[in-house]
PDB file of N, CA and C in Angstrom:
ATOM      1  N   MET A   1       4.909 -29.333-135.221  1.00  0.00           N
ATOM      2  CA  MET A   1       6.252 -29.203-135.768  1.00  0.00           C
ATOM      3  C   MET A   1       7.008 -28.218-134.912  1.00  0.00           C
ATOM      4  N   HIS A   2       8.231 -28.588-134.574  1.00  0.00           N
ATOM      5  CA  HIS A   2       9.084 -27.719-133.772  1.00  0.00           C
ATOM      6  C   HIS A   2       9.596 -26.539-134.624  1.00  0.00           C
ATOM      7  N   ASP A   3       9.868 -25.430-133.951  1.00  0.00           N
ATOM      8  CA  ASP A   3      10.364 -24.215-134.607  1.00  0.00           C
ATOM      9  C   ASP A   3      11.598 -24.492-135.460  1.00  0.00           C
ATOM     10  N   GLU A   4      12.533 -25.305-134.915  1.00  0.00           N
ATOM     11  CA  GLU A   4      13.790 -25.567-135.599  1.00  0.00           C
ATOM     12  C   GLU A   4      13.549 -26.221-136.973  1.00  0.00           C
ATOM     13  N   GLU A   5      12.619 -27.169-137.022  1.00  0.00           N
ATOM     14  CA  GLU A   5      12.325 -27.865-138.281  1.00  0.00           C
ATOM     15  C   GLU A   5      11.635 -26.907-139.261  1.00  0.00           C
ATOM     16  N   PHE A   6      10.694 -26.109-138.772  1.00  0.00           N
ATOM     17  CA  PHE A   6      10.006 -25.154-139.590  1.00  0.00           C
ATOM     18  C   PHE A   6      11.024 -24.133-140.189  1.00  0.00           C
ATOM     19  N   GLU A   7      11.906 -23.643-139.369  1.00  0.00           N
ATOM     20  CA  GLU A   7      12.931 -22.691-139.819  1.00  0.00           C
ATOM     21  C   GLU A   7      13.898 -23.338-140.810  1.00  0.00           C
ATOM     22  N   LYS A   8      14.147 -24.633-140.642  1.00  0.00           N
ATOM     23  CA  LYS A   8      15.030 -25.368-141.546  1.00  0.00           C
ATOM     24  C   LYS A   8      14.407 -25.354-142.946  1.00  0.00           C
ATOM     25  N   TYR A   9      13.099 -25.546-143.046  1.00  0.00           N
ATOM     26  CA  TYR A   9      12.440 -25.551-144.364  1.00  0.00           C
ATOM     27  C   TYR A   9      12.536 -24.172-144.996  1.00  0.00           C
ATOM     28  N   ILE A  10      12.400 -23.115-144.200  1.00  0.00           N
ATOM     29  CA  ILE A  10      12.528 -21.769-144.741  1.00  0.00           C
ATOM     30  C   ILE A  10      13.958 -21.556-145.272  1.00  0.00           C
ATOM     31  N   LYS A  11      14.930 -21.989-144.535  1.00  0.00           N
ATOM     32  CA  LYS A  11      16.307 -21.858-144.970  1.00  0.00           C
ATOM     33  C   LYS A  11      16.567 -22.616-146.258  1.00  0.00           C
ATOM     34  N   GLU A  12      15.976 -23.791-146.408  1.00  0.00           N
ATOM     35  CA  GLU A  12      16.109 -24.571-147.638  1.00  0.00           C
ATOM     36  C   GLU A  12      15.534 -23.831-148.834  1.00  0.00           C
ATOM     37  N   VAL A  13      14.404 -23.152-148.632  1.00  0.00           N
ATOM     38  CA  VAL A  13      13.820 -22.352-149.717  1.00  0.00           C
ATOM     39  C   VAL A  13      14.781 -21.257-150.126  1.00  0.00           C
ATOM     40  N   ILE A  14      15.287 -20.543-149.168  1.00  0.00           N
ATOM     41  CA  ILE A  14      16.210 -19.421-149.461  1.00  0.00           C
ATOM     42  C   ILE A  14      17.466 -19.960-150.180  1.00  0.00           C
ATOM     43  N   GLU A  15      17.994 -21.061-149.716  1.00  0.00           N
ATOM     44  CA  GLU A  15      19.192 -21.620-150.356  1.00  0.00           C
ATOM     45  C   GLU A  15      18.914 -22.163-151.759  1.00  0.00           C
ATOM     46  N   SER A  16      17.658 -22.462-152.068  1.00  0.00           N
ATOM     47  CA  SER A  16      17.335 -22.985-153.396  1.00  0.00           C
ATOM     48  C   SER A  16      17.069 -21.883-154.417  1.00  0.00           C
ATOM     49  N   LEU A  17      17.034 -20.631-153.953  1.00  0.00           N
ATOM     50  CA  LEU A  17      16.800 -19.527-154.896  1.00  0.00           C
ATOM     51  C   LEU A  17      17.962 -19.403-155.888  1.00  0.00           C
ATOM     52  N   PRO A  18      17.680 -19.047-157.121  1.00  0.00           N
ATOM     53  CA  PRO A  18      18.749 -18.779-158.048  1.00  0.00           C
ATOM     54  C   PRO A  18      19.687 -17.703-157.492  1.00  0.00           C
ATOM     55  N   LYS A  19      20.964 -17.862-157.730  1.00  0.00           N
ATOM     56  CA  LYS A  19      21.951 -16.910-157.179  1.00  0.00           C
ATOM     57  C   LYS A  19      21.635 -15.454-157.541  1.00  0.00           C
ATOM     58  N   GLU A  20      21.058 -15.242-158.739  1.00  0.00           N
ATOM     59  CA  GLU A  20      20.735 -13.910-159.181  1.00  0.00           C
ATOM     60  C   GLU A  20      19.774 -13.207-158.199  1.00  0.00           C
ATOM     61  N   PHE A  21      18.817 -13.975-157.683  1.00  0.00           N
ATOM     62  CA  PHE A  21      17.854 -13.408-156.756  1.00  0.00           C
ATOM     63  C   PHE A  21      18.419 -13.310-155.358  1.00  0.00           C
ATOM     64  N   ALA A  22      19.030 -14.395-154.893  1.00  0.00           N
ATOM     65  CA  ALA A  22      19.569 -14.440-153.537  1.00  0.00           C
ATOM     66  C   ALA A  22      20.573 -13.283-153.339  1.00  0.00           C
ATOM     67  N   GLY A  23      21.389 -13.015-154.332  1.00  0.00           N
ATOM     68  CA  GLY A  23      22.380 -11.966-154.220  1.00  0.00           C
ATOM     69  C   GLY A  23      21.797 -10.563-154.155  1.00  0.00           C
ATOM     70  N   LEU A  24      20.521 -10.412-154.621  1.00  0.00           N
ATOM     71  CA  LEU A  24      19.897  -9.119-154.627  1.00  0.00           C
ATOM     72  C   LEU A  24      19.012  -8.867-153.385  1.00  0.00           C
ATOM     73  N   MET A  25      18.898  -9.889-152.551  1.00  0.00           N
ATOM     74  CA  MET A  25      18.105  -9.705-151.331  1.00  0.00           C
ATOM     75  C   MET A  25      18.932  -9.037-150.288  1.00  0.00           C
ATOM     76  N   GLU A  26      18.826  -7.703-150.257  1.00  0.00           N
ATOM     77  CA  GLU A  26      19.603  -6.906-149.320  1.00  0.00           C
ATOM     78  C   GLU A  26      18.679  -6.282-148.288  1.00  0.00           C
ATOM     79  N   ASN A  27      19.161  -6.217-147.067  1.00  0.00           N
ATOM     80  CA  ASN A  27      18.438  -5.508-146.026  1.00  0.00           C
ATOM     81  C   ASN A  27      17.034  -6.124-145.782  1.00  0.00           C
ATOM     82  N   VAL A  28      16.985  -7.466-145.771  1.00  0.00           N
ATOM     83  CA  VAL A  28      15.729  -8.214-145.560  1.00  0.00           C
ATOM     84  C   VAL A  28      15.957  -9.199-144.417  1.00  0.00           C
ATOM     85  N   VAL A  29      15.011  -9.229-143.482  1.00  0.00           N
ATOM     86  CA  VAL A  29      15.078 -10.189-142.392  1.00  0.00           C
ATOM     87  C   VAL A  29      13.793 -11.045-142.455  1.00  0.00           C
ATOM     88  N   ILE A  30      13.961 -12.351-142.287  1.00  0.00           N
ATOM     89  CA  ILE A  30      12.778 -13.220-142.266  1.00  0.00           C
ATOM     90  C   ILE A  30      12.568 -13.717-140.858  1.00  0.00           C
ATOM     91  N   PHE A  31      11.344 -13.506-140.388  1.00  0.00           N
ATOM     92  CA  PHE A  31      10.932 -13.940-139.033  1.00  0.00           C
ATOM     93  C   PHE A  31       9.878 -15.001-139.134  1.00  0.00           C
ATOM     94  N   VAL A  32       9.918 -15.947-138.189  1.00  0.00           N
ATOM     95  CA  VAL A  32       8.835 -16.896-138.006  1.00  0.00           C
ATOM     96  C   VAL A  32       8.018 -16.417-136.819  1.00  0.00           C
ATOM     97  N   GLU A  33       6.754 -16.168-137.049  1.00  0.00           N
ATOM     98  CA  GLU A  33       5.858 -15.753-135.993  1.00  0.00           C
ATOM     99  C   GLU A  33       4.760 -16.812-135.865  1.00  0.00           C
ATOM    100  N   GLU A  34       4.193 -16.941-134.690  1.00  0.00           N
ATOM    101  CA  GLU A  34       3.137 -17.907-134.489  1.00  0.00           C
ATOM    102  C   GLU A  34       1.890 -17.500-135.304  1.00  0.00           C
ATOM    103  N   LEU A  35       1.473 -16.270-135.167  1.00  0.00           N
ATOM    104  CA  LEU A  35       0.318 -15.704-135.880  1.00  0.00           C
ATOM    105  C   LEU A  35       0.536 -14.246-136.154  1.00  0.00           C
ATOM    106  N   PRO A  36      -0.180 -13.673-137.114  1.00  0.00           N
ATOM    107  CA  PRO A  36      -0.056 -12.218-137.363  1.00  0.00           C
ATOM    108  C   PRO A  36      -0.601 -11.412-136.191  1.00  0.00           C
ATOM    109  N   THR A  37      -0.045 -10.226-136.009  1.00  0.00           N
ATOM    110  CA  THR A  37      -0.575  -9.316-134.995  1.00  0.00           C
ATOM    111  C   THR A  37      -1.862  -8.710-135.468  1.00  0.00           C
ATOM    112  N   GLN A  38      -2.609  -8.164-134.568  1.00  0.00           N
ATOM    113  CA  GLN A  38      -3.879  -7.479-134.944  1.00  0.00           C
ATOM    114  C   GLN A  38      -3.563  -6.323-135.895  1.00  0.00           C
ATOM    115  N   GLY A  39      -2.441  -5.626-135.653  1.00  0.00           N
ATOM    116  CA  GLY A  39      -2.058  -4.541-136.564  1.00  0.00           C
ATOM    117  C   GLY A  39      -1.789  -5.009-137.962  1.00  0.00           C
ATOM    118  N   GLN A  40      -1.130  -6.141-138.135  1.00  0.00           N
ATOM    119  CA  GLN A  40      -0.879  -6.688-139.466  1.00  0.00           C
ATOM    120  C   GLN A  40      -2.171  -7.075-140.130  1.00  0.00           C
ATOM    121  N   ILE A  41      -3.081  -7.683-139.393  1.00  0.00           N
ATOM    122  CA  ILE A  41      -4.388  -8.062-139.954  1.00  0.00           C
ATOM    123  C   ILE A  41      -5.183  -6.803-140.358  1.00  0.00           C
ATOM    124  N   ASN A  42      -5.121  -5.764-139.542  1.00  0.00           N
ATOM    125  CA  ASN A  42      -5.844  -4.528-139.862  1.00  0.00           C
ATOM    126  C   ASN A  42      -5.317  -3.884-141.130  1.00  0.00           C
ATOM    127  N   ILE A  43      -4.008  -3.921-141.345  1.00  0.00           N
ATOM    128  CA  ILE A  43      -3.427  -3.354-142.574  1.00  0.00           C
ATOM    129  C   ILE A  43      -4.009  -4.048-143.787  1.00  0.00           C
ATOM    130  N   LEU A  44      -4.108  -5.360-143.757  1.00  0.00           N
ATOM    131  CA  LEU A  44      -4.657  -6.081-144.877  1.00  0.00           C
ATOM    132  C   LEU A  44      -6.134  -5.830-145.062  1.00  0.00           C
ATOM    133  N   ARG A  45      -6.860  -5.716-143.993  1.00  0.00           N
ATOM    134  CA  ARG A  45      -8.322  -5.406-144.103  1.00  0.00           C
ATOM    135  C   ARG A  45      -8.525  -4.053-144.752  1.00  0.00           C
ATOM    136  N   LYS A  46      -7.680  -3.065-144.414  1.00  0.00           N
ATOM    137  CA  LYS A  46      -7.789  -1.740-145.017  1.00  0.00           C
ATOM    138  C   LYS A  46      -7.571  -1.789-146.524  1.00  0.00           C
ATOM    139  N   ARG A  47      -6.740  -2.748-146.952  1.00  0.00           N
ATOM    140  CA  ARG A  47      -6.518  -2.932-148.396  1.00  0.00           C
ATOM    141  C   ARG A  47      -7.617  -3.737-149.066  1.00  0.00           C
ATOM    142  N   GLY A  48      -8.563  -4.234-148.271  1.00  0.00           N
ATOM    143  CA  GLY A  48      -9.649  -5.060-148.828  1.00  0.00           C
ATOM    144  C   GLY A  48      -9.269  -6.508-149.007  1.00  0.00           C
ATOM    145  N   GLU A  49      -8.200  -6.921-148.327  1.00  0.00           N
ATOM    146  CA  GLU A  49      -7.774  -8.301-148.443  1.00  0.00           C
ATOM    147  C   GLU A  49      -8.244  -9.086-147.205  1.00  0.00           C
ATOM    148  N   GLY A  50      -8.586 -10.337-147.434  1.00  0.00           N
ATOM    149  CA  GLY A  50      -9.038 -11.153-146.319  1.00  0.00           C
ATOM    150  C   GLY A  50      -8.412 -12.540-146.425  1.00  0.00           C
ATOM    151  N   GLY A  51      -8.997 -13.484-145.754  1.00  0.00           N
ATOM    152  CA  GLY A  51      -8.488 -14.841-145.782  1.00  0.00           C
ATOM    153  C   GLY A  51      -7.455 -15.096-144.688  1.00  0.00           C
ATOM    154  N   ILE A  52      -6.809 -16.230-144.807  1.00  0.00           N
ATOM    155  CA  ILE A  52      -5.787 -16.606-143.834  1.00  0.00           C
ATOM    156  C   ILE A  52      -4.466 -16.030-144.263  1.00  0.00           C
ATOM    157  N   LEU A  53      -3.832 -15.322-143.396  1.00  0.00           N
ATOM    158  CA  LEU A  53      -2.557 -14.686-143.689  1.00  0.00           C
ATOM    159  C   LEU A  53      -1.422 -15.657-143.354  1.00  0.00           C
ATOM    160  N   LEU A  54      -0.716 -16.122-144.385  1.00  0.00           N
ATOM    161  CA  LEU A  54       0.383 -17.101-144.240  1.00  0.00           C
ATOM    162  C   LEU A  54       1.724 -16.401-144.090  1.00  0.00           C
ATOM    163  N   GLY A  55       1.855 -15.243-144.715  1.00  0.00           N
ATOM    164  CA  GLY A  55       3.107 -14.476-144.669  1.00  0.00           C
ATOM    165  C   GLY A  55       2.827 -13.030-144.973  1.00  0.00           C
ATOM    166  N   LEU A  56       3.777 -12.184-144.697  1.00  0.00           N
ATOM    167  CA  LEU A  56       3.601 -10.750-144.924  1.00  0.00           C
ATOM    168  C   LEU A  56       4.953 -10.110-145.178  1.00  0.00           C
ATOM    169  N   TYR A  57       5.035  -9.299-146.249  1.00  0.00           N
ATOM    170  CA  TYR A  57       6.226  -8.491-146.545  1.00  0.00           C
ATOM    171  C   TYR A  57       5.922  -7.062-146.062  1.00  0.00           C
ATOM    172  N   GLU A  58       6.809  -6.541-145.260  1.00  0.00           N
ATOM    173  CA  GLU A  58       6.702  -5.145-144.828  1.00  0.00           C
ATOM    174  C   GLU A  58       8.018  -4.469-145.122  1.00  0.00           C
ATOM    175  N   GLY A  59       7.961  -3.522-145.995  1.00  0.00           N
ATOM    176  CA  GLY A  59       9.171  -2.805-146.380  1.00  0.00           C
ATOM    177  C   GLY A  59       8.993  -1.977-147.633  1.00  0.00           C
ATOM    178  N   ILE A  60      10.103  -1.578-148.219  1.00  0.00           N
ATOM    179  CA  ILE A  60      10.097  -0.811-149.428  1.00  0.00           C
ATOM    180  C   ILE A  60      10.616  -1.700-150.529  1.00  0.00           C
ATOM    181  N   PRO A  61       9.759  -2.059-151.503  1.00  0.00           N
ATOM    182  CA  PRO A  61      10.191  -2.958-152.583  1.00  0.00           C
ATOM    183  C   PRO A  61      11.388  -2.359-153.352  1.00  0.00           C
ATOM    184  N   ARG A  62      12.197  -3.249-153.879  1.00  0.00           N
ATOM    185  CA  ARG A  62      13.402  -2.830-154.605  1.00  0.00           C
ATOM    186  C   ARG A  62      13.053  -1.903-155.744  1.00  0.00           C
ATOM    187  N   THR A  63      11.912  -2.098-156.390  1.00  0.00           N
ATOM    188  CA  THR A  63      11.507  -1.254-157.502  1.00  0.00           C
ATOM    189  C   THR A  63      11.217   0.200-157.107  1.00  0.00           C
ATOM    190  N   ARG A  64      11.075   0.450-155.841  1.00  0.00           N
ATOM    191  CA  ARG A  64      10.778   1.829-155.365  1.00  0.00           C
ATOM    192  C   ARG A  64      11.992   2.475-154.683  1.00  0.00           C
ATOM    193  N   ARG A  65      13.123   1.839-154.713  1.00  0.00           N
ATOM    194  CA  ARG A  65      14.277   2.330-153.965  1.00  0.00           C
ATOM    195  C   ARG A  65      15.143   3.284-154.764  1.00  0.00           C
ATOM    196  N   GLY A  66      15.010   3.326-156.029  1.00  0.00           N
ATOM    197  CA  GLY A  66      15.840   4.215-156.817  1.00  0.00           C
ATOM    198  C   GLY A  66      17.220   3.617-157.032  1.00  0.00           C
ATOM    199  N   ARG A  67      17.992   4.292-157.830  1.00  0.00           N
ATOM    200  CA  ARG A  67      19.303   3.795-158.228  1.00  0.00           C
ATOM    201  C   ARG A  67      20.277   3.659-157.063  1.00  0.00           C
ATOM    202  N   TYR A  68      20.173   4.549-156.100  1.00  0.00           N
ATOM    203  CA  TYR A  68      21.133   4.587-155.007  1.00  0.00           C
ATOM    204  C   TYR A  68      20.554   4.071-153.701  1.00  0.00           C
ATOM    205  N   GLY A  69      19.436   3.374-153.753  1.00  0.00           N
ATOM    206  CA  GLY A  69      18.859   2.838-152.562  1.00  0.00           C
ATOM    207  C   GLY A  69      18.046   3.875-151.819  1.00  0.00           C
ATOM    208  N   ILE A  70      17.858   3.667-150.532  1.00  0.00           N
ATOM    209  CA  ILE A  70      17.009   4.560-149.745  1.00  0.00           C
ATOM    210  C   ILE A  70      17.702   5.051-148.505  1.00  0.00           C
ATOM    211  N   GLY A  71      18.994   4.927-148.442  1.00  0.00           N
ATOM    212  CA  GLY A  71      19.722   5.378-147.264  1.00  0.00           C
ATOM    213  C   GLY A  71      19.616   4.398-146.121  1.00  0.00           C
ATOM    214  N   GLU A  72      19.950   4.885-144.957  1.00  0.00           N
ATOM    215  CA  GLU A  72      19.914   3.991-143.788  1.00  0.00           C
ATOM    216  C   GLU A  72      18.485   3.825-143.301  1.00  0.00           C
ATOM    217  N   THR A  73      18.028   2.601-143.316  1.00  0.00           N
ATOM    218  CA  THR A  73      16.689   2.279-142.833  1.00  0.00           C
ATOM    219  C   THR A  73      16.720   0.946-142.106  1.00  0.00           C
ATOM    220  N   LEU A  74      15.672   0.670-141.393  1.00  0.00           N
ATOM    221  CA  LEU A  74      15.537  -0.645-140.808  1.00  0.00           C
ATOM    222  C   LEU A  74      15.374  -1.655-141.935  1.00  0.00           C
ATOM    223  N   PRO A  75      15.743  -2.903-141.672  1.00  0.00           N
ATOM    224  CA  PRO A  75      15.596  -3.912-142.736  1.00  0.00           C
ATOM    225  C   PRO A  75      14.120  -4.137-143.065  1.00  0.00           C
ATOM    226  N   ASP A  76      13.873  -4.530-144.324  1.00  0.00           N
ATOM    227  CA  ASP A  76      12.557  -4.998-144.710  1.00  0.00           C
ATOM    228  C   ASP A  76      12.292  -6.264-143.895  1.00  0.00           C
ATOM    229  N   ARG A  77      11.024  -6.531-143.689  1.00  0.00           N
ATOM    230  CA  ARG A  77      10.673  -7.655-142.818  1.00  0.00           C
ATOM    231  C   ARG A  77       9.702  -8.592-143.574  1.00  0.00           C
ATOM    232  N   ILE A  78      10.075  -9.836-143.575  1.00  0.00           N
ATOM    233  CA  ILE A  78       9.184 -10.890-144.089  1.00  0.00           C
ATOM    234  C   ILE A  78       8.811 -11.754-142.888  1.00  0.00           C
ATOM    235  N   SER A  79       7.499 -11.796-142.609  1.00  0.00           N
ATOM    236  CA  SER A  79       6.997 -12.630-141.503  1.00  0.00           C
ATOM    237  C   SER A  79       6.343 -13.839-142.107  1.00  0.00           C
ATOM    238  N   ILE A  80       6.661 -15.036-141.619  1.00  0.00           N
ATOM    239  CA  ILE A  80       6.039 -16.256-141.999  1.00  0.00           C
ATOM    240  C   ILE A  80       5.275 -16.755-140.790  1.00  0.00           C
ATOM    241  N   PHE A  81       3.962 -17.001-140.962  1.00  0.00           N
ATOM    242  CA  PHE A  81       3.095 -17.317-139.832  1.00  0.00           C
ATOM    243  C   PHE A  81       2.894 -18.832-139.722  1.00  0.00           C
ATOM    244  N   LYS A  82       3.652 -19.373-138.770  1.00  0.00           N
ATOM    245  CA  LYS A  82       3.742 -20.817-138.585  1.00  0.00           C
ATOM    246  C   LYS A  82       2.381 -21.478-138.359  1.00  0.00           C
ATOM    247  N   ASN A  83       1.648 -20.977-137.383  1.00  0.00           N
ATOM    248  CA  ASN A  83       0.365 -21.644-137.072  1.00  0.00           C
ATOM    249  C   ASN A  83      -0.629 -21.579-138.213  1.00  0.00           C
ATOM    250  N   ALA A  84      -0.630 -20.526-138.986  1.00  0.00           N
ATOM    251  CA  ALA A  84      -1.513 -20.428-140.123  1.00  0.00           C
ATOM    252  C   ALA A  84      -1.154 -21.484-141.185  1.00  0.00           C
ATOM    253  N   ILE A  85       0.151 -21.636-141.420  1.00  0.00           N
ATOM    254  CA  ILE A  85       0.585 -22.649-142.388  1.00  0.00           C
ATOM    255  C   ILE A  85       0.283 -24.040-141.896  1.00  0.00           C
ATOM    256  N   LEU A  86       0.514 -24.305-140.632  1.00  0.00           N
ATOM    257  CA  LEU A  86       0.205 -25.620-140.080  1.00  0.00           C
ATOM    258  C   LEU A  86      -1.313 -25.887-140.150  1.00  0.00           C
ATOM    259  N   MET A  87      -2.120 -24.875-139.949  1.00  0.00           N
ATOM    260  CA  MET A  87      -3.562 -25.018-139.949  1.00  0.00           C
ATOM    261  C   MET A  87      -4.121 -25.442-141.296  1.00  0.00           C
ATOM    262  N   ILE A  88      -3.530 -24.979-142.381  1.00  0.00           N
ATOM    263  CA  ILE A  88      -4.045 -25.308-143.710  1.00  0.00           C
ATOM    264  C   ILE A  88      -3.360 -26.525-144.334  1.00  0.00           C
ATOM    265  N   SER A  89      -2.386 -27.064-143.680  1.00  0.00           N
ATOM    266  CA  SER A  89      -1.604 -28.174-144.221  1.00  0.00           C
ATOM    267  C   SER A  89      -2.060 -29.505-143.611  1.00  0.00           C
ATOM    268  N   ASN A  90      -2.180 -30.518-144.482  1.00  0.00           N
ATOM    269  CA  ASN A  90      -2.669 -31.818-144.036  1.00  0.00           C
ATOM    270  C   ASN A  90      -1.584 -32.867-143.905  1.00  0.00           C
ATOM    271  N   SER A  91      -0.365 -32.523-144.273  1.00  0.00           N
ATOM    272  CA  SER A  91       0.730 -33.512-144.214  1.00  0.00           C
ATOM    273  C   SER A  91       2.058 -32.763-144.159  1.00  0.00           C
ATOM    274  N   PRO A  92       3.129 -33.469-143.771  1.00  0.00           N
ATOM    275  CA  PRO A  92       4.443 -32.820-143.770  1.00  0.00           C
ATOM    276  C   PRO A  92       4.813 -32.272-145.175  1.00  0.00           C
ATOM    277  N   ASP A  93       4.461 -33.002-146.214  1.00  0.00           N
ATOM    278  CA  ASP A  93       4.764 -32.515-147.571  1.00  0.00           C
ATOM    279  C   ASP A  93       4.013 -31.232-147.874  1.00  0.00           C
ATOM    280  N   GLU A  94       2.754 -31.143-147.416  1.00  0.00           N
ATOM    281  CA  GLU A  94       1.982 -29.916-147.660  1.00  0.00           C
ATOM    282  C   GLU A  94       2.577 -28.775-146.864  1.00  0.00           C
ATOM    283  N   ILE A  95       3.059 -29.067-145.654  1.00  0.00           N
ATOM    284  CA  ILE A  95       3.691 -28.006-144.843  1.00  0.00           C
ATOM    285  C   ILE A  95       4.876 -27.453-145.614  1.00  0.00           C
ATOM    286  N   LYS A  96       5.721 -28.312-146.122  1.00  0.00           N
ATOM    287  CA  LYS A  96       6.903 -27.861-146.904  1.00  0.00           C
ATOM    288  C   LYS A  96       6.492 -27.043-148.113  1.00  0.00           C
ATOM    289  N   GLU A  97       5.457 -27.536-148.828  1.00  0.00           N
ATOM    290  CA  GLU A  97       5.011 -26.806-150.028  1.00  0.00           C
ATOM    291  C   GLU A  97       4.426 -25.450-149.680  1.00  0.00           C
ATOM    292  N   ASN A  98       3.645 -25.379-148.627  1.00  0.00           N
ATOM    293  CA  ASN A  98       3.078 -24.098-148.202  1.00  0.00           C
ATOM    294  C   ASN A  98       4.131 -23.122-147.699  1.00  0.00           C
ATOM    295  N   ILE A  99       5.145 -23.641-147.027  1.00  0.00           N
ATOM    296  CA  ILE A  99       6.265 -22.784-146.624  1.00  0.00           C
ATOM    297  C   ILE A  99       6.954 -22.252-147.864  1.00  0.00           C
ATOM    298  N   ARG A 100       7.248 -23.130-148.790  1.00  0.00           N
ATOM    299  CA  ARG A 100       7.955 -22.727-150.034  1.00  0.00           C
ATOM    300  C   ARG A 100       7.145 -21.646-150.785  1.00  0.00           C
ATOM    301  N   ASN A 101       5.869 -21.922-150.995  1.00  0.00           N
ATOM    302  CA  ASN A 101       5.029 -20.959-151.740  1.00  0.00           C
ATOM    303  C   ASN A 101       4.944 -19.615-151.006  1.00  0.00           C
ATOM    304  N   THR A 102       4.825 -19.663-149.703  1.00  0.00           N
ATOM    305  CA  THR A 102       4.676 -18.427-148.943  1.00  0.00           C
ATOM    306  C   THR A 102       5.989 -17.593-148.956  1.00  0.00           C
ATOM    307  N   VAL A 103       7.105 -18.278-148.722  1.00  0.00           N
ATOM    308  CA  VAL A 103       8.393 -17.567-148.725  1.00  0.00           C
ATOM    309  C   VAL A 103       8.650 -16.940-150.086  1.00  0.00           C
ATOM    310  N   ILE A 104       8.453 -17.693-151.146  1.00  0.00           N
ATOM    311  CA  ILE A 104       8.673 -17.176-152.491  1.00  0.00           C
ATOM    312  C   ILE A 104       7.716 -16.021-152.798  1.00  0.00           C
ATOM    313  N   HIS A 105       6.475 -16.151-152.386  1.00  0.00           N
ATOM    314  CA  HIS A 105       5.488 -15.069-152.583  1.00  0.00           C
ATOM    315  C   HIS A 105       5.953 -13.782-151.913  1.00  0.00           C
ATOM    316  N   GLU A 106       6.382 -13.877-150.674  1.00  0.00           N
ATOM    317  CA  GLU A 106       6.823 -12.671-149.948  1.00  0.00           C
ATOM    318  C   GLU A 106       8.103 -12.111-150.509  1.00  0.00           C
ATOM    319  N   ILE A 107       9.011 -12.969-150.956  1.00  0.00           N
ATOM    320  CA  ILE A 107      10.243 -12.472-151.599  1.00  0.00           C
ATOM    321  C   ILE A 107       9.885 -11.751-152.901  1.00  0.00           C
ATOM    322  N   ALA A 108       8.879 -12.237-153.619  1.00  0.00           N
ATOM    323  CA  ALA A 108       8.444 -11.573-154.849  1.00  0.00           C
ATOM    324  C   ALA A 108       7.973 -10.149-154.545  1.00  0.00           C
ATOM    325  N   HIS A 109       7.290  -9.965-153.418  1.00  0.00           N
ATOM    326  CA  HIS A 109       6.893  -8.602-153.033  1.00  0.00           C
ATOM    327  C   HIS A 109       8.136  -7.744-152.768  1.00  0.00           C
ATOM    328  N   HIS A 110       9.181  -8.305-152.181  1.00  0.00           N
ATOM    329  CA  HIS A 110      10.418  -7.556-151.971  1.00  0.00           C
ATOM    330  C   HIS A 110      10.981  -7.046-153.289  1.00  0.00           C
ATOM    331  N   PHE A 111      10.808  -7.860-154.337  1.00  0.00           N
ATOM    332  CA  PHE A 111      11.320  -7.456-155.657  1.00  0.00           C
ATOM    333  C   PHE A 111      10.302  -6.602-156.444  1.00  0.00           C
ATOM    334  N   GLY A 112       9.195  -6.237-155.774  1.00  0.00           N
ATOM    335  CA  GLY A 112       8.251  -5.273-156.380  1.00  0.00           C
ATOM    336  C   GLY A 112       7.083  -5.870-157.087  1.00  0.00           C
ATOM    337  N   LEU A 113       6.890  -7.166-157.033  1.00  0.00           N
ATOM    338  CA  LEU A 113       5.742  -7.778-157.690  1.00  0.00           C
ATOM    339  C   LEU A 113       4.507  -7.637-156.816  1.00  0.00           C
ATOM    340  N   SER A 114       3.381  -7.345-157.438  1.00  0.00           N
ATOM    341  CA  SER A 114       2.091  -7.277-156.742  1.00  0.00           C
ATOM    342  C   SER A 114       1.499  -8.674-156.656  1.00  0.00           C
ATOM    343  N   ASP A 115       0.423  -8.808-155.886  1.00  0.00           N
ATOM    344  CA  ASP A 115      -0.262 -10.104-155.828  1.00  0.00           C
ATOM    345  C   ASP A 115      -0.731 -10.512-157.222  1.00  0.00           C
ATOM    346  N   GLU A 116      -1.233  -9.546-157.999  1.00  0.00           N
ATOM    347  CA  GLU A 116      -1.688  -9.834-159.358  1.00  0.00           C
ATOM    348  C   GLU A 116      -0.534 -10.290-160.240  1.00  0.00           C
ATOM    349  N   ASP A 117       0.613  -9.679-160.133  1.00  0.00           N
ATOM    350  CA  ASP A 117       1.820 -10.090-160.900  1.00  0.00           C
ATOM    351  C   ASP A 117       2.191 -11.523-160.530  1.00  0.00           C
ATOM    352  N   ILE A 118       2.127 -11.851-159.262  1.00  0.00           N
ATOM    353  CA  ILE A 118       2.514 -13.172-158.786  1.00  0.00           C
ATOM    354  C   ILE A 118       1.547 -14.221-159.314  1.00  0.00           C
ATOM    355  N   LYS A 119       0.244 -13.912-159.267  1.00  0.00           N
ATOM    356  CA  LYS A 119      -0.763 -14.840-159.813  1.00  0.00           C
ATOM    357  C   LYS A 119      -0.519 -15.088-161.293  1.00  0.00           C
ATOM    358  N   LYS A 120      -0.225 -14.003-162.057  1.00  0.00           N
ATOM    359  CA  LYS A 120       0.019 -14.188-163.486  1.00  0.00           C
ATOM    360  C   LYS A 120       1.262 -15.022-163.733  1.00  0.00           C
ATOM    361  N   ALA A 121       2.323 -14.794-162.956  1.00  0.00           N
ATOM    362  CA  ALA A 121       3.545 -15.585-163.111  1.00  0.00           C
ATOM    363  C   ALA A 121       3.298 -17.052-162.811  1.00  0.00           C
ATOM    364  N   ARG A 122       2.526 -17.335-161.802  1.00  0.00           N
ATOM    365  CA  ARG A 122       2.234 -18.732-161.454  1.00  0.00           C
ATOM    366  C   ARG A 122       1.392 -19.423-162.504  1.00  0.00           C
ATOM    367  N   SER A 123       0.478 -18.680-163.127  1.00  0.00           N
ATOM    368  CA  SER A 123      -0.413 -19.295-164.094  1.00  0.00           C
ATOM    369  C   SER A 123       0.184 -19.301-165.500  1.00  0.00           C
ATOM    370  N   GLY A 124       1.356 -18.669-165.634  1.00  0.00           N
ATOM    371  CA  GLY A 124       2.063 -18.676-166.939  1.00  0.00           C
ATOM    372  C   GLY A 124       1.521 -17.663-167.900  1.00  0.00           C
ATOM    373  N   VAL A 125       0.744 -16.672-167.416  1.00  0.00           N
ATOM    374  CA  VAL A 125       0.149 -15.656-168.314  1.00  0.00           C
ATOM    375  C   VAL A 125       1.204 -14.611-168.614  1.00  0.00           C
TER     376      VAL A 125
END
């Protein structure tokens, strides 16, 4: 899959977000990377997390910013790892679904949700 098509799917996910969420996504940049860096993998290993890394949120979640924000900082970064998503996907529809799930998962981290919170929300608990 070409980068342009992959990025188009990411854009579609962002555009499909409810306006309440999209309007609150401030100071966030989404990057498409081929694979995670060794540094990104090491961060997750230190946390005791393993598996295939499809995406990664790096920044200060909105829930930790306080009422007046955090001042001037670099944008939060969401990385979506193209080759990892392609590797686990068996069809174009699965690619789209994995992109959607990954982008929403990482945006949830931007809003302060933990992996456990996200799992609970997906299971309806």
